[in-house]
Each structure stands twice: as structure tokens, then as C-alpha cells.
C-alpha atoms as a PDB file:
ATOM      1  CA  UNK A   1     -38.998 -58.577  27.066  1.00  0.00           C
ATOM      2  CA  UNK A   2     -41.929 -60.961  26.584  1.00  0.00           C
ATOM      3  CA  UNK A   3     -41.586 -64.100  28.709  1.00  0.00           C
ATOM      4  CA  UNK A   4     -43.795 -67.186  28.773  1.00  0.00           C
ATOM      5  CA  UNK A   5     -43.778 -69.306  31.910  1.00  0.00           C
ATOM      6  CA  UNK A   6     -45.105 -72.763  32.677  1.00  0.00           C
ATOM      7  CA  UNK A   7     -44.833 -75.523  35.235  1.00  0.00           C
ATOM      8  CA  UNK A   8     -46.106 -78.883  36.257  1.00  0.00           C
ATOM      9  CA  UNK A   9     -47.846 -79.325  39.612  1.00  0.00           C
ATOM     10  CA  UNK A  10     -44.490 -79.834  41.353  1.00  0.00           C
ATOM     11  CA  UNK A  11     -43.318 -76.419  40.209  1.00  0.00           C
ATOM     12  CA  UNK A  12     -46.558 -74.528  40.760  1.00  0.00           C
ATOM     13  CA  UNK A  13     -45.499 -72.693  43.935  1.00  0.00           C
ATOM     14  CA  UNK A  14     -42.053 -71.803  42.603  1.00  0.00           C
ATOM     15  CA  UNK A  15     -43.606 -70.556  39.354  1.00  0.00           C
ATOM     16  CA  UNK A  16     -45.528 -67.861  41.232  1.00  0.00           C
ATOM     17  CA  UNK A  17     -42.312 -66.748  42.947  1.00  0.00           C
ATOM     18  CA  UNK A  18     -40.318 -66.626  39.678  1.00  0.00           C
ATOM     19  CA  UNK A  19     -43.160 -64.945  37.790  1.00  0.00           C
ATOM     20  CA  UNK A  20     -43.297 -62.106  40.331  1.00  0.00           C
ATOM     21  CA  UNK A  21     -39.506 -61.686  40.192  1.00  0.00           C
ATOM     22  CA  UNK A  22     -39.538 -61.410  36.385  1.00  0.00           C
ATOM     23  CA  UNK A  23     -42.445 -58.943  36.471  1.00  0.00           C
ATOM     24  CA  UNK A  24     -40.633 -56.849  39.091  1.00  0.00           C
ATOM     25  CA  UNK A  25     -37.838 -56.401  36.547  1.00  0.00           C
ATOM     26  CA  UNK A  26     -40.365 -54.866  34.161  1.00  0.00           C
ATOM     27  CA  UNK A  27     -40.893 -57.797  31.814  1.00  0.00           C
ATOM     28  CA  UNK A  28     -44.235 -58.960  30.457  1.00  0.00           C
ATOM     29  CA  UNK A  29     -45.044 -62.501  31.651  1.00  0.00           C
ATOM     30  CA  UNK A  30     -47.690 -64.829  30.229  1.00  0.00           C
ATOM     31  CA  UNK A  31     -48.549 -67.935  32.256  1.00  0.00           C
ATOM     32  CA  UNK A  32     -49.288 -71.124  30.292  1.00  0.00           C
ATOM     33  CA  UNK A  33     -50.111 -73.152  33.417  1.00  0.00           C
ATOM     34  CA  UNK A  34     -50.514 -75.197  35.354  1.00  0.00           C
ATOM     35  CA  UNK A  35     -52.817 -73.173  37.558  1.00  0.00           C
ATOM     36  CA  UNK A  36     -53.044 -75.354  40.675  1.00  0.00           C
ATOM     37  CA  UNK A  37     -51.285 -78.175  42.502  1.00  0.00           C
ATOM     38  CA  UNK A  38     -53.531 -80.718  40.795  1.00  0.00           C
ATOM     39  CA  UNK A  39     -51.448 -83.252  38.861  1.00  0.00           C
ATOM     40  CA  UNK A  40     -50.763 -82.408  35.201  1.00  0.00           C
ATOM     41  CA  UNK A  41     -48.626 -83.958  32.477  1.00  0.00           C
ATOM     42  CA  UNK A  42     -45.433 -81.877  32.313  1.00  0.00           C
ATOM     43  CA  UNK A  43     -44.785 -82.582  28.592  1.00  0.00           C
ATOM     44  CA  UNK A  44     -47.999 -80.790  27.634  1.00  0.00           C
ATOM     45  CA  UNK A  45     -46.999 -77.539  29.345  1.00  0.00           C
ATOM     46  CA  UNK A  46     -43.371 -77.794  28.183  1.00  0.00           C
ATOM     47  CA  UNK A  47     -44.479 -78.269  24.592  1.00  0.00           C
ATOM     48  CA  UNK A  48     -46.787 -75.228  24.705  1.00  0.00           C
ATOM     49  CA  UNK A  49     -44.025 -73.006  26.110  1.00  0.00           C
ATOM     50  CA  UNK A  50     -41.309 -74.259  23.752  1.00  0.00           C
ATOM     51  CA  UNK A  51     -43.500 -73.953  20.653  1.00  0.00           C
ATOM     52  CA  UNK A  52     -44.485 -70.386  21.582  1.00  0.00           C
ATOM     53  CA  UNK A  53     -40.804 -69.413  21.904  1.00  0.00           C
ATOM     54  CA  UNK A  54     -39.850 -71.128  18.630  1.00  0.00           C
ATOM     55  CA  UNK A  55     -42.681 -69.321  16.803  1.00  0.00           C
ATOM     56  CA  UNK A  56     -41.322 -66.026  18.107  1.00  0.00           C
ATOM     57  CA  UNK A  57     -44.404 -65.171  20.150  1.00  0.00           C
ATOM     58  CA  UNK A  58     -42.125 -64.712  23.185  1.00  0.00           C
ATOM     59  CA  UNK A  59     -38.495 -63.739  23.690  1.00  0.00           C
ATOM     60  CA  UNK A  60     -37.822 -66.280  26.439  1.00  0.00           C
ATOM     61  CA  UNK A  61     -39.491 -69.231  28.097  1.00  0.00           C
ATOM     62  CA  UNK A  62     -39.283 -70.408  31.688  1.00  0.00           C
ATOM     63  CA  UNK A  63     -40.266 -73.917  32.796  1.00  0.00           C
ATOM     64  CA  UNK A  64     -40.338 -75.211  36.372  1.00  0.00           C
ATOM     65  CA  UNK A  65     -40.925 -78.725  37.606  1.00  0.00           C
ATOM     66  CA  UNK A  66     -40.190 -80.712  40.724  1.00  0.00           C
ATOM     67  CA  UNK A  67     -36.526 -81.289  39.852  1.00  0.00           C
ATOM     68  CA  UNK A  68     -35.753 -79.265  36.696  1.00  0.00           C
ATOM     69  CA  UNK A  69     -34.976 -82.052  34.284  1.00  0.00           C
ATOM     70  CA  UNK A  70     -38.249 -83.421  32.949  1.00  0.00           C
ATOM     71  CA  UNK A  71     -39.599 -80.172  31.492  1.00  0.00           C
ATOM     72  CA  UNK A  72     -36.196 -79.484  29.970  1.00  0.00           C
ATOM     73  CA  UNK A  73     -36.172 -82.805  28.134  1.00  0.00           C
ATOM     74  CA  UNK A  74     -39.697 -82.209  26.861  1.00  0.00           C
ATOM     75  CA  UNK A  75     -38.891 -78.654  25.684  1.00  0.00           C
ATOM     76  CA  UNK A  76     -35.791 -79.890  23.875  1.00  0.00           C
ATOM     77  CA  UNK A  77     -37.940 -82.144  21.726  1.00  0.00           C
ATOM     78  CA  UNK A  78     -39.367 -78.923  20.252  1.00  0.00           C
ATOM     79  CA  UNK A  79     -36.420 -76.556  20.131  1.00  0.00           C
ATOM     80  CA  UNK A  80     -33.255 -78.360  21.208  1.00  0.00           C
ATOM     81  CA  UNK A  81     -31.849 -75.473  23.242  1.00  0.00           C
ATOM     82  CA  UNK A  82     -33.703 -75.533  26.555  1.00  0.00           C
ATOM     83  CA  UNK A  83     -31.295 -75.587  29.474  1.00  0.00           C
ATOM     84  CA  UNK A  84     -31.686 -76.647  33.067  1.00  0.00           C
ATOM     85  CA  UNK A  85     -30.042 -74.129  35.389  1.00  0.00           C
ATOM     86  CA  UNK A  86     -29.265 -73.858  39.079  1.00  0.00           C
ATOM     87  CA  UNK A  87     -30.752 -70.751  40.671  1.00  0.00           C
ATOM     88  CA  UNK A  88     -27.780 -68.398  40.235  1.00  0.00           C
ATOM     89  CA  UNK A  89     -27.226 -69.379  36.609  1.00  0.00           C
ATOM     90  CA  UNK A  90     -30.978 -69.312  36.011  1.00  0.00           C
ATOM     91  CA  UNK A  91     -31.159 -65.600  36.828  1.00  0.00           C
ATOM     92  CA  UNK A  92     -28.520 -64.857  34.192  1.00  0.00           C
ATOM     93  CA  UNK A  93     -29.669 -67.346  31.569  1.00  0.00           C
ATOM     94  CA  UNK A  94     -32.940 -65.773  30.438  1.00  0.00           C
ATOM     95  CA  UNK A  95     -31.537 -62.285  29.913  1.00  0.00           C
ATOM     96  CA  UNK A  96     -31.966 -60.919  26.368  1.00  0.00           C
ATOM     97  CA  UNK A  97     -28.229 -61.200  25.703  1.00  0.00           C
ATOM     98  CA  UNK A  98     -28.120 -64.992  26.118  1.00  0.00           C
ATOM     99  CA  UNK A  99     -28.877 -67.548  23.439  1.00  0.00           C
ATOM    100  CA  UNK A 100     -30.805 -69.866  25.753  1.00  0.00           C
ATOM    101  CA  UNK A 101     -34.414 -69.505  24.600  1.00  0.00           C
ATOM    102  CA  UNK A 102     -35.970 -71.533  27.409  1.00  0.00           C
ATOM    103  CA  UNK A 103     -34.598 -71.965  30.930  1.00  0.00           C
ATOM    104  CA  UNK A 104     -35.741 -74.784  33.154  1.00  0.00           C
ATOM    105  CA  UNK A 105     -35.515 -74.868  36.933  1.00  0.00           C
ATOM    106  CA  UNK A 106     -36.259 -77.091  39.868  1.00  0.00           C
ATOM    107  CA  UNK A 107     -38.950 -75.986  42.281  1.00  0.00           C
ATOM    108  CA  UNK A 108     -36.496 -76.801  45.073  1.00  0.00           C
ATOM    109  CA  UNK A 109     -33.965 -74.276  43.725  1.00  0.00           C
ATOM    110  CA  UNK A 110     -36.126 -71.233  44.491  1.00  0.00           C
ATOM    111  CA  UNK A 111     -34.835 -70.971  48.047  1.00  0.00           C
ATOM    112  CA  UNK A 112     -31.675 -69.100  47.009  1.00  0.00           C
ATOM    113  CA  UNK A 113     -32.052 -65.357  46.616  1.00  0.00           C
END
């Protein structure tokens, strides 16, 4: 499965954790940023990820921010089916069998295994 991932600066650390977990499952992951903890505008990254999924360039999108809601709202302006998920539901939500094209998570939710 081809997955695109993105975050704002609040989700930067969690993005690295989630990216490695997805890659460990054998999926191809492309990172659309951000690439540091320097402040960025979350709507820009969310729009890039959502548009790439809508175009069909990727099977699933993953967005992470400081609390999981802002990137979800921004992605829904593009595709209308991004969903914010707690950690346990997040792991299930981006599987190929689900209809959720883009899953959004809070950086704080990465502590659960």
C-alpha cells in the first residue's frame, strides 16, 4: 500500500514514530513534511496530503498534529472523509479494507502501543 504522511510542527516527533511503524508493516511511505519542529501552517500540509489521496497518487493518507483535530478539518475541505482517530482505532482505520482515505491523529496519542 502507498501511504502519504504529513504533520505540523506539533506532530513532527509522532510522525517519525508512525512512519516507522507503517514501514515496518511493509508499506511504502512518502513524507510530505513538515521536516522539523519549526512552526508551519498545518492547512498547507493537510491540503497537500488530502489532494494526493484524492488524485489517487496514494492509497491512504496520515496526518498528525498537536491534538488531531486541526489537520482533519483542513483535509476535509479537500475530500470530506478524513477522520480523527484515537490510537487504537487509528491502527485499524488506514488498512486497505477501510473507506477512510485519510486518518488524523494527535501527537499525544502515540504513547499507546
